[in-house]
Amino acid sequence: MLISPAYAQAAGADGGAGMLMQLLPLLLIFVVFYFLLIRPQQKKAKQHREMISALRRGDRVVTAGGIVGTIAKVDDDTYATLEIAPDVRVKVMRHTITDKIAATEPARSGRKGKEADEADDAEADTEKSGK
């Protein structure tokens, strides 16, 4: 006889524990991915949404394209108008604004640029001399 008979091996009494040991590395990988990748990304996205919703006229911002400007007008939930140079305005999508550099007070209406600065200086001089 050239073929030897095959004998069945006795199955372990703990078949469920073997399945758990196979799934344990996958579960550990998922937990590590959650705490190192998914959770921080969600937190950063939430902070960006809050920053975008809090944008006001006069805030100095940077867009994803690297354009630095001051918000001249917040049009709606989708667009904002940036002033990137005197009398040069660009309409951008709000979600492309990546960072707020500085929050400033909104500009006074009616006076612009140098005239407003001169008027503010004159008001400050009057207050100093009056006191």
N, C-alpha and C. Protein backbone atom coordinates (compact mmCIF):
# COMPACT_ATOMS: atom_id res chain seq x y z
N MET A 1 0.82 -1.14 0.00
CA MET A 1 0.00 0.00 0.00
C MET A 1 0.89 1.24 0.00
N LEU A 2 0.73 2.06 -1.02
CA LEU A 2 1.54 3.24 -1.16
C LEU A 2 0.90 4.49 -0.55
N ILE A 3 -0.36 4.50 -0.42
CA ILE A 3 -1.06 5.66 0.13
C ILE A 3 -1.34 5.39 1.59
N SER A 4 -0.87 6.32 2.43
CA SER A 4 -1.14 6.16 3.85
C SER A 4 -2.49 6.79 4.17
N PRO A 5 -3.19 6.23 5.09
CA PRO A 5 -4.51 6.77 5.44
C PRO A 5 -4.36 8.13 6.14
N ALA A 6 -5.28 9.07 5.85
CA ALA A 6 -5.27 10.39 6.47
C ALA A 6 -6.09 10.35 7.73
N TYR A 7 -5.56 10.93 8.75
CA TYR A 7 -6.26 10.97 10.02
C TYR A 7 -6.71 12.41 10.30
N ALA A 8 -7.91 12.57 10.71
CA ALA A 8 -8.44 13.90 11.03
C ALA A 8 -7.79 14.40 12.31
N GLN A 9 -7.42 15.66 12.30
CA GLN A 9 -6.85 16.23 13.51
C GLN A 9 -7.99 16.65 14.41
N ALA A 10 -7.74 16.57 15.64
CA ALA A 10 -8.77 16.96 16.61
C ALA A 10 -8.87 18.48 16.62
N ALA A 11 -10.08 19.02 16.46
CA ALA A 11 -10.30 20.47 16.47
C ALA A 11 -10.15 20.97 17.89
N GLY A 12 -9.59 22.20 18.03
CA GLY A 12 -9.44 22.79 19.36
C GLY A 12 -10.80 23.07 19.96
N ALA A 13 -10.87 22.96 21.25
CA ALA A 13 -12.12 23.19 21.94
C ALA A 13 -12.51 24.66 21.91
N ASP A 14 -11.53 25.57 21.68
CA ASP A 14 -11.78 27.00 21.70
C ASP A 14 -11.74 27.57 20.29
N GLY A 15 -12.70 27.28 19.43
CA GLY A 15 -12.71 27.76 18.05
C GLY A 15 -13.00 29.24 17.94
N GLY A 16 -13.77 29.84 18.87
CA GLY A 16 -14.12 31.25 18.84
C GLY A 16 -12.94 32.14 19.20
N ALA A 17 -12.05 31.67 20.04
CA ALA A 17 -10.89 32.46 20.46
C ALA A 17 -9.93 32.65 19.29
N GLY A 18 -9.83 31.65 18.42
CA GLY A 18 -8.97 31.77 17.25
C GLY A 18 -9.47 32.86 16.30
N MET A 19 -10.76 32.95 16.16
CA MET A 19 -11.36 33.98 15.31
C MET A 19 -11.10 35.38 15.89
N LEU A 20 -11.19 35.52 17.19
CA LEU A 20 -10.93 36.80 17.85
C LEU A 20 -9.47 37.21 17.68
N MET A 21 -8.58 36.27 17.78
CA MET A 21 -7.15 36.56 17.63
C MET A 21 -6.82 37.00 16.19
N GLN A 22 -7.61 36.52 15.23
CA GLN A 22 -7.40 36.95 13.85
C GLN A 22 -7.92 38.36 13.61
N LEU A 23 -9.00 38.74 14.28
CA LEU A 23 -9.59 40.06 14.10
C LEU A 23 -8.93 41.14 14.96
N LEU A 24 -8.24 40.75 16.01
CA LEU A 24 -7.64 41.70 16.93
C LEU A 24 -6.65 42.66 16.25
N PRO A 25 -5.75 42.22 15.39
CA PRO A 25 -4.86 43.18 14.72
C PRO A 25 -5.61 44.19 13.85
N LEU A 26 -6.66 43.75 13.18
CA LEU A 26 -7.46 44.68 12.38
C LEU A 26 -8.14 45.73 13.25
N LEU A 27 -8.67 45.31 14.38
CA LEU A 27 -9.30 46.26 15.30
C LEU A 27 -8.28 47.25 15.85
N LEU A 28 -7.10 46.77 16.19
CA LEU A 28 -6.05 47.66 16.69
C LEU A 28 -5.62 48.67 15.63
N ILE A 29 -5.51 48.25 14.40
CA ILE A 29 -5.15 49.16 13.31
C ILE A 29 -6.21 50.24 13.14
N PHE A 30 -7.49 49.84 13.21
CA PHE A 30 -8.58 50.82 13.09
C PHE A 30 -8.54 51.83 14.22
N VAL A 31 -8.29 51.38 15.44
CA VAL A 31 -8.22 52.30 16.59
C VAL A 31 -7.07 53.28 16.42
N VAL A 32 -5.91 52.80 15.98
CA VAL A 32 -4.76 53.67 15.77
C VAL A 32 -5.06 54.69 14.67
N PHE A 33 -5.66 54.26 13.57
CA PHE A 33 -6.02 55.18 12.49
C PHE A 33 -7.01 56.23 12.98
N TYR A 34 -7.97 55.82 13.80
CA TYR A 34 -8.97 56.77 14.29
C TYR A 34 -8.30 57.87 15.11
N PHE A 35 -7.46 57.50 16.07
CA PHE A 35 -6.87 58.50 16.95
C PHE A 35 -5.74 59.30 16.30
N LEU A 36 -5.05 58.75 15.33
CA LEU A 36 -3.93 59.47 14.72
C LEU A 36 -4.30 60.20 13.43
N LEU A 37 -5.34 59.76 12.73
CA LEU A 37 -5.68 60.37 11.45
C LEU A 37 -7.09 60.95 11.39
N ILE A 38 -8.08 60.15 11.67
CA ILE A 38 -9.46 60.56 11.45
C ILE A 38 -9.88 61.66 12.43
N ARG A 39 -9.66 61.46 13.71
CA ARG A 39 -10.10 62.42 14.73
C ARG A 39 -9.43 63.78 14.57
N PRO A 40 -8.09 63.88 14.39
CA PRO A 40 -7.49 65.20 14.20
C PRO A 40 -7.97 65.90 12.93
N GLN A 41 -8.23 65.14 11.87
CA GLN A 41 -8.71 65.74 10.63
C GLN A 41 -10.11 66.31 10.82
N GLN A 42 -10.98 65.60 11.54
CA GLN A 42 -12.32 66.11 11.80
C GLN A 42 -12.27 67.36 12.67
N LYS A 43 -11.36 67.38 13.64
CA LYS A 43 -11.22 68.53 14.53
C LYS A 43 -10.76 69.76 13.74
N LYS A 44 -9.79 69.57 12.84
CA LYS A 44 -9.29 70.67 12.03
C LYS A 44 -10.37 71.18 11.08
N ALA A 45 -11.15 70.28 10.50
CA ALA A 45 -12.23 70.68 9.60
C ALA A 45 -13.29 71.48 10.35
N LYS A 46 -13.58 71.10 11.57
CA LYS A 46 -14.56 71.82 12.39
C LYS A 46 -14.04 73.23 12.71
N GLN A 47 -12.76 73.36 13.05
CA GLN A 47 -12.18 74.67 13.32
C GLN A 47 -12.22 75.55 12.08
N HIS A 48 -11.97 74.97 10.90
CA HIS A 48 -12.01 75.74 9.65
C HIS A 48 -13.42 76.23 9.36
N ARG A 49 -14.43 75.36 9.56
CA ARG A 49 -15.82 75.77 9.36
C ARG A 49 -16.20 76.92 10.29
N GLU A 50 -15.76 76.84 11.56
CA GLU A 50 -16.06 77.91 12.52
C GLU A 50 -15.37 79.21 12.12
N MET A 51 -14.12 79.12 11.65
CA MET A 51 -13.40 80.31 11.23
C MET A 51 -14.08 80.95 10.01
N ILE A 52 -14.50 80.14 9.06
CA ILE A 52 -15.17 80.65 7.86
C ILE A 52 -16.49 81.32 8.22
N SER A 53 -17.24 80.73 9.13
CA SER A 53 -18.53 81.32 9.50
C SER A 53 -18.37 82.60 10.31
N ALA A 54 -17.22 82.79 10.95
CA ALA A 54 -16.99 83.97 11.79
C ALA A 54 -16.30 85.11 11.03
N LEU A 55 -16.08 84.97 9.73
CA LEU A 55 -15.40 86.02 8.97
C LEU A 55 -16.28 87.27 8.90
N ARG A 56 -15.65 88.41 9.11
CA ARG A 56 -16.34 89.69 9.07
C ARG A 56 -15.58 90.67 8.18
N ARG A 57 -16.24 91.74 7.84
CA ARG A 57 -15.62 92.80 7.04
C ARG A 57 -14.45 93.39 7.82
N GLY A 58 -13.33 93.56 7.15
CA GLY A 58 -12.15 94.12 7.79
C GLY A 58 -11.14 93.08 8.23
N ASP A 59 -11.52 91.79 8.22
CA ASP A 59 -10.57 90.73 8.60
C ASP A 59 -9.53 90.56 7.51
N ARG A 60 -8.29 90.38 7.90
CA ARG A 60 -7.20 90.13 6.96
C ARG A 60 -7.03 88.62 6.83
N VAL A 61 -7.09 88.10 5.60
CA VAL A 61 -7.11 86.66 5.37
C VAL A 61 -6.13 86.26 4.27
N VAL A 62 -5.87 84.94 4.21
CA VAL A 62 -5.06 84.34 3.15
C VAL A 62 -5.90 83.28 2.47
N THR A 63 -5.90 83.27 1.14
CA THR A 63 -6.64 82.25 0.41
C THR A 63 -5.74 81.05 0.14
N ALA A 64 -6.34 79.98 -0.37
CA ALA A 64 -5.58 78.77 -0.68
C ALA A 64 -4.57 79.03 -1.80
N GLY A 65 -4.82 80.02 -2.63
CA GLY A 65 -3.90 80.37 -3.71
C GLY A 65 -2.78 81.29 -3.26
N GLY A 66 -2.81 81.69 -1.99
CA GLY A 66 -1.75 82.53 -1.46
C GLY A 66 -2.03 84.02 -1.56
N ILE A 67 -3.24 84.40 -1.93
CA ILE A 67 -3.59 85.82 -2.03
C ILE A 67 -3.91 86.34 -0.63
N VAL A 68 -3.26 87.44 -0.27
CA VAL A 68 -3.50 88.07 1.02
C VAL A 68 -4.36 89.30 0.78
N GLY A 69 -5.43 89.43 1.54
CA GLY A 69 -6.30 90.58 1.35
C GLY A 69 -7.16 90.84 2.56
N THR A 70 -7.90 91.92 2.49
CA THR A 70 -8.82 92.31 3.55
C THR A 70 -10.24 92.10 3.03
N ILE A 71 -11.08 91.52 3.85
CA ILE A 71 -12.46 91.27 3.43
C ILE A 71 -13.18 92.61 3.33
N ALA A 72 -13.65 92.92 2.12
CA ALA A 72 -14.38 94.16 1.89
C ALA A 72 -15.88 93.93 2.06
N LYS A 73 -16.32 92.72 1.72
CA LYS A 73 -17.74 92.42 1.79
C LYS A 73 -17.93 90.92 1.90
N VAL A 74 -18.82 90.50 2.77
CA VAL A 74 -19.20 89.09 2.86
C VAL A 74 -20.51 88.98 2.11
N ASP A 75 -20.45 88.41 0.89
CA ASP A 75 -21.62 88.41 0.02
C ASP A 75 -22.72 87.50 0.54
N ASP A 76 -22.41 86.24 0.76
CA ASP A 76 -23.39 85.28 1.28
C ASP A 76 -22.61 84.11 1.88
N ASP A 77 -23.24 82.97 2.01
CA ASP A 77 -22.57 81.80 2.60
C ASP A 77 -21.50 81.23 1.68
N THR A 78 -21.50 81.62 0.41
CA THR A 78 -20.58 81.04 -0.55
C THR A 78 -19.43 81.96 -0.94
N TYR A 79 -19.67 83.25 -1.05
CA TYR A 79 -18.67 84.18 -1.58
C TYR A 79 -18.30 85.28 -0.60
N ALA A 80 -17.10 85.81 -0.79
CA ALA A 80 -16.64 87.00 -0.07
C ALA A 80 -15.82 87.83 -1.06
N THR A 81 -15.82 89.14 -0.86
CA THR A 81 -15.04 90.03 -1.72
C THR A 81 -13.82 90.50 -0.94
N LEU A 82 -12.63 90.26 -1.51
CA LEU A 82 -11.38 90.66 -0.87
C LEU A 82 -10.82 91.89 -1.58
N GLU A 83 -10.26 92.80 -0.79
CA GLU A 83 -9.53 93.92 -1.35
C GLU A 83 -8.05 93.58 -1.22
N ILE A 84 -7.40 93.34 -2.36
CA ILE A 84 -6.00 92.89 -2.33
C ILE A 84 -5.03 94.05 -2.56
N ALA A 85 -5.53 95.17 -3.02
CA ALA A 85 -4.76 96.40 -3.20
C ALA A 85 -5.78 97.54 -3.18
N PRO A 86 -5.33 98.77 -3.04
CA PRO A 86 -6.30 99.87 -3.06
C PRO A 86 -7.13 99.85 -4.35
N ASP A 87 -8.44 99.82 -4.18
CA ASP A 87 -9.40 99.80 -5.29
C ASP A 87 -9.28 98.59 -6.20
N VAL A 88 -8.71 97.47 -5.71
CA VAL A 88 -8.66 96.22 -6.46
C VAL A 88 -9.37 95.17 -5.61
N ARG A 89 -10.52 94.74 -6.09
CA ARG A 89 -11.33 93.77 -5.33
C ARG A 89 -11.49 92.48 -6.13
N VAL A 90 -11.45 91.38 -5.42
CA VAL A 90 -11.56 90.05 -6.02
C VAL A 90 -12.63 89.29 -5.27
N LYS A 91 -13.50 88.62 -6.01
CA LYS A 91 -14.54 87.80 -5.39
C LYS A 91 -14.01 86.38 -5.28
N VAL A 92 -14.01 85.83 -4.07
CA VAL A 92 -13.50 84.47 -3.83
C VAL A 92 -14.56 83.64 -3.13
N MET A 93 -14.44 82.34 -3.27
CA MET A 93 -15.31 81.44 -2.53
C MET A 93 -14.81 81.36 -1.10
N ARG A 94 -15.71 81.38 -0.15
CA ARG A 94 -15.32 81.47 1.26
C ARG A 94 -14.53 80.26 1.72
N HIS A 95 -14.83 79.07 1.20
CA HIS A 95 -14.12 77.89 1.67
C HIS A 95 -12.66 77.85 1.21
N THR A 96 -12.28 78.74 0.24
CA THR A 96 -10.88 78.79 -0.17
C THR A 96 -10.03 79.66 0.76
N ILE A 97 -10.67 80.34 1.70
CA ILE A 97 -9.92 81.13 2.68
C ILE A 97 -9.36 80.15 3.71
N THR A 98 -8.03 80.12 3.82
CA THR A 98 -7.40 79.12 4.67
C THR A 98 -7.02 79.63 6.05
N ASP A 99 -6.77 80.94 6.17
CA ASP A 99 -6.29 81.44 7.46
C ASP A 99 -6.71 82.88 7.64
N LYS A 100 -6.98 83.24 8.89
CA LYS A 100 -7.26 84.63 9.23
C LYS A 100 -6.01 85.18 9.89
N ILE A 101 -5.41 86.22 9.28
CA ILE A 101 -4.18 86.80 9.80
C ILE A 101 -4.46 87.69 10.99
N ALA A 102 -5.38 88.61 10.83
CA ALA A 102 -5.70 89.54 11.91
C ALA A 102 -7.14 89.98 11.78
N ALA A 103 -7.76 90.16 12.92
CA ALA A 103 -9.10 90.70 12.94
C ALA A 103 -8.99 92.18 13.24
N THR A 104 -9.57 92.99 12.40
CA THR A 104 -9.52 94.43 12.60
C THR A 104 -10.94 94.95 12.73
N GLU A 105 -11.05 96.18 13.16
CA GLU A 105 -12.36 96.80 13.24
C GLU A 105 -12.83 97.12 11.83
N PRO A 106 -14.11 96.99 11.57
CA PRO A 106 -14.61 97.33 10.24
C PRO A 106 -14.34 98.79 9.93
N ALA A 107 -14.06 99.08 8.66
CA ALA A 107 -13.79 100.44 8.25
C ALA A 107 -15.05 101.29 8.38
N ARG A 108 -14.87 102.55 8.68
CA ARG A 108 -16.01 103.46 8.78
C ARG A 108 -16.55 103.72 7.38
N SER A 109 -17.85 103.82 7.30
CA SER A 109 -18.44 104.09 5.99
C SER A 109 -18.38 105.59 5.70
N GLY A 110 -18.26 105.93 4.45
CA GLY A 110 -18.26 107.34 4.07
C GLY A 110 -16.88 107.89 3.79
N ARG A 111 -15.88 107.48 4.55
CA ARG A 111 -14.53 108.00 4.34
C ARG A 111 -13.62 106.83 4.03
N LYS A 112 -12.68 107.06 3.11
CA LYS A 112 -11.78 105.98 2.72
C LYS A 112 -10.35 106.46 2.78
N GLY A 113 -9.45 105.51 2.98
CA GLY A 113 -8.03 105.71 2.80
C GLY A 113 -7.41 106.84 3.58
N LYS A 114 -6.69 107.68 2.86
CA LYS A 114 -5.89 108.74 3.45
C LYS A 114 -6.77 109.79 4.13
N GLU A 115 -7.93 110.10 3.53
CA GLU A 115 -8.82 111.08 4.13
C GLU A 115 -9.27 110.64 5.51
N ALA A 116 -9.59 109.36 5.66
CA ALA A 116 -10.03 108.84 6.95
C ALA A 116 -8.89 108.89 7.96
N ASP A 117 -7.66 108.55 7.53
CA ASP A 117 -6.51 108.60 8.42
C ASP A 117 -6.25 110.02 8.90
N GLU A 118 -6.32 111.00 7.98
CA GLU A 118 -6.09 112.40 8.35
C GLU A 118 -7.17 112.89 9.31
N ALA A 119 -8.41 112.50 9.07
CA ALA A 119 -9.50 112.91 9.94
C ALA A 119 -9.33 112.28 11.33
N ASP A 120 -8.92 111.02 11.37
CA ASP A 120 -8.69 110.36 12.66
C ASP A 120 -7.55 111.02 13.42
N ASP A 121 -6.48 111.42 12.71
CA ASP A 121 -5.36 112.11 13.35
C ASP A 121 -5.81 113.45 13.91
N ALA A 122 -6.64 114.16 13.13
CA ALA A 122 -7.13 115.46 13.58
C ALA A 122 -7.99 115.30 14.83
N GLU A 123 -8.84 114.26 14.86
CA GLU A 123 -9.68 114.00 16.04
C GLU A 123 -8.82 113.68 17.25
N ALA A 124 -7.77 112.90 17.06
CA ALA A 124 -6.89 112.54 18.16
C ALA A 124 -6.16 113.77 18.69
N ASP A 125 -5.70 114.67 17.80
CA ASP A 125 -5.02 115.89 18.22
C ASP A 125 -5.96 116.79 19.01
N THR A 126 -7.22 116.88 18.58
CA THR A 126 -8.20 117.70 19.26
C THR A 126 -8.44 117.16 20.68
N GLU A 127 -8.54 115.82 20.79
CA GLU A 127 -8.78 115.23 22.11
C GLU A 127 -7.59 115.47 23.04
N LYS A 128 -6.36 115.37 22.52
CA LYS A 128 -5.18 115.57 23.35
C LYS A 128 -5.08 117.01 23.83
N SER A 129 -5.34 117.98 22.93
CA SER A 129 -5.21 119.39 23.30
C SER A 129 -6.35 119.83 24.22
N GLY A 130 -7.51 119.17 24.13
CA GLY A 130 -8.65 119.52 24.97
C GLY A 130 -8.51 119.03 26.39
N LYS A 131 -7.68 118.04 26.63
CA LYS A 131 -7.56 117.46 27.98
C LYS A 131 -6.46 118.05 28.77
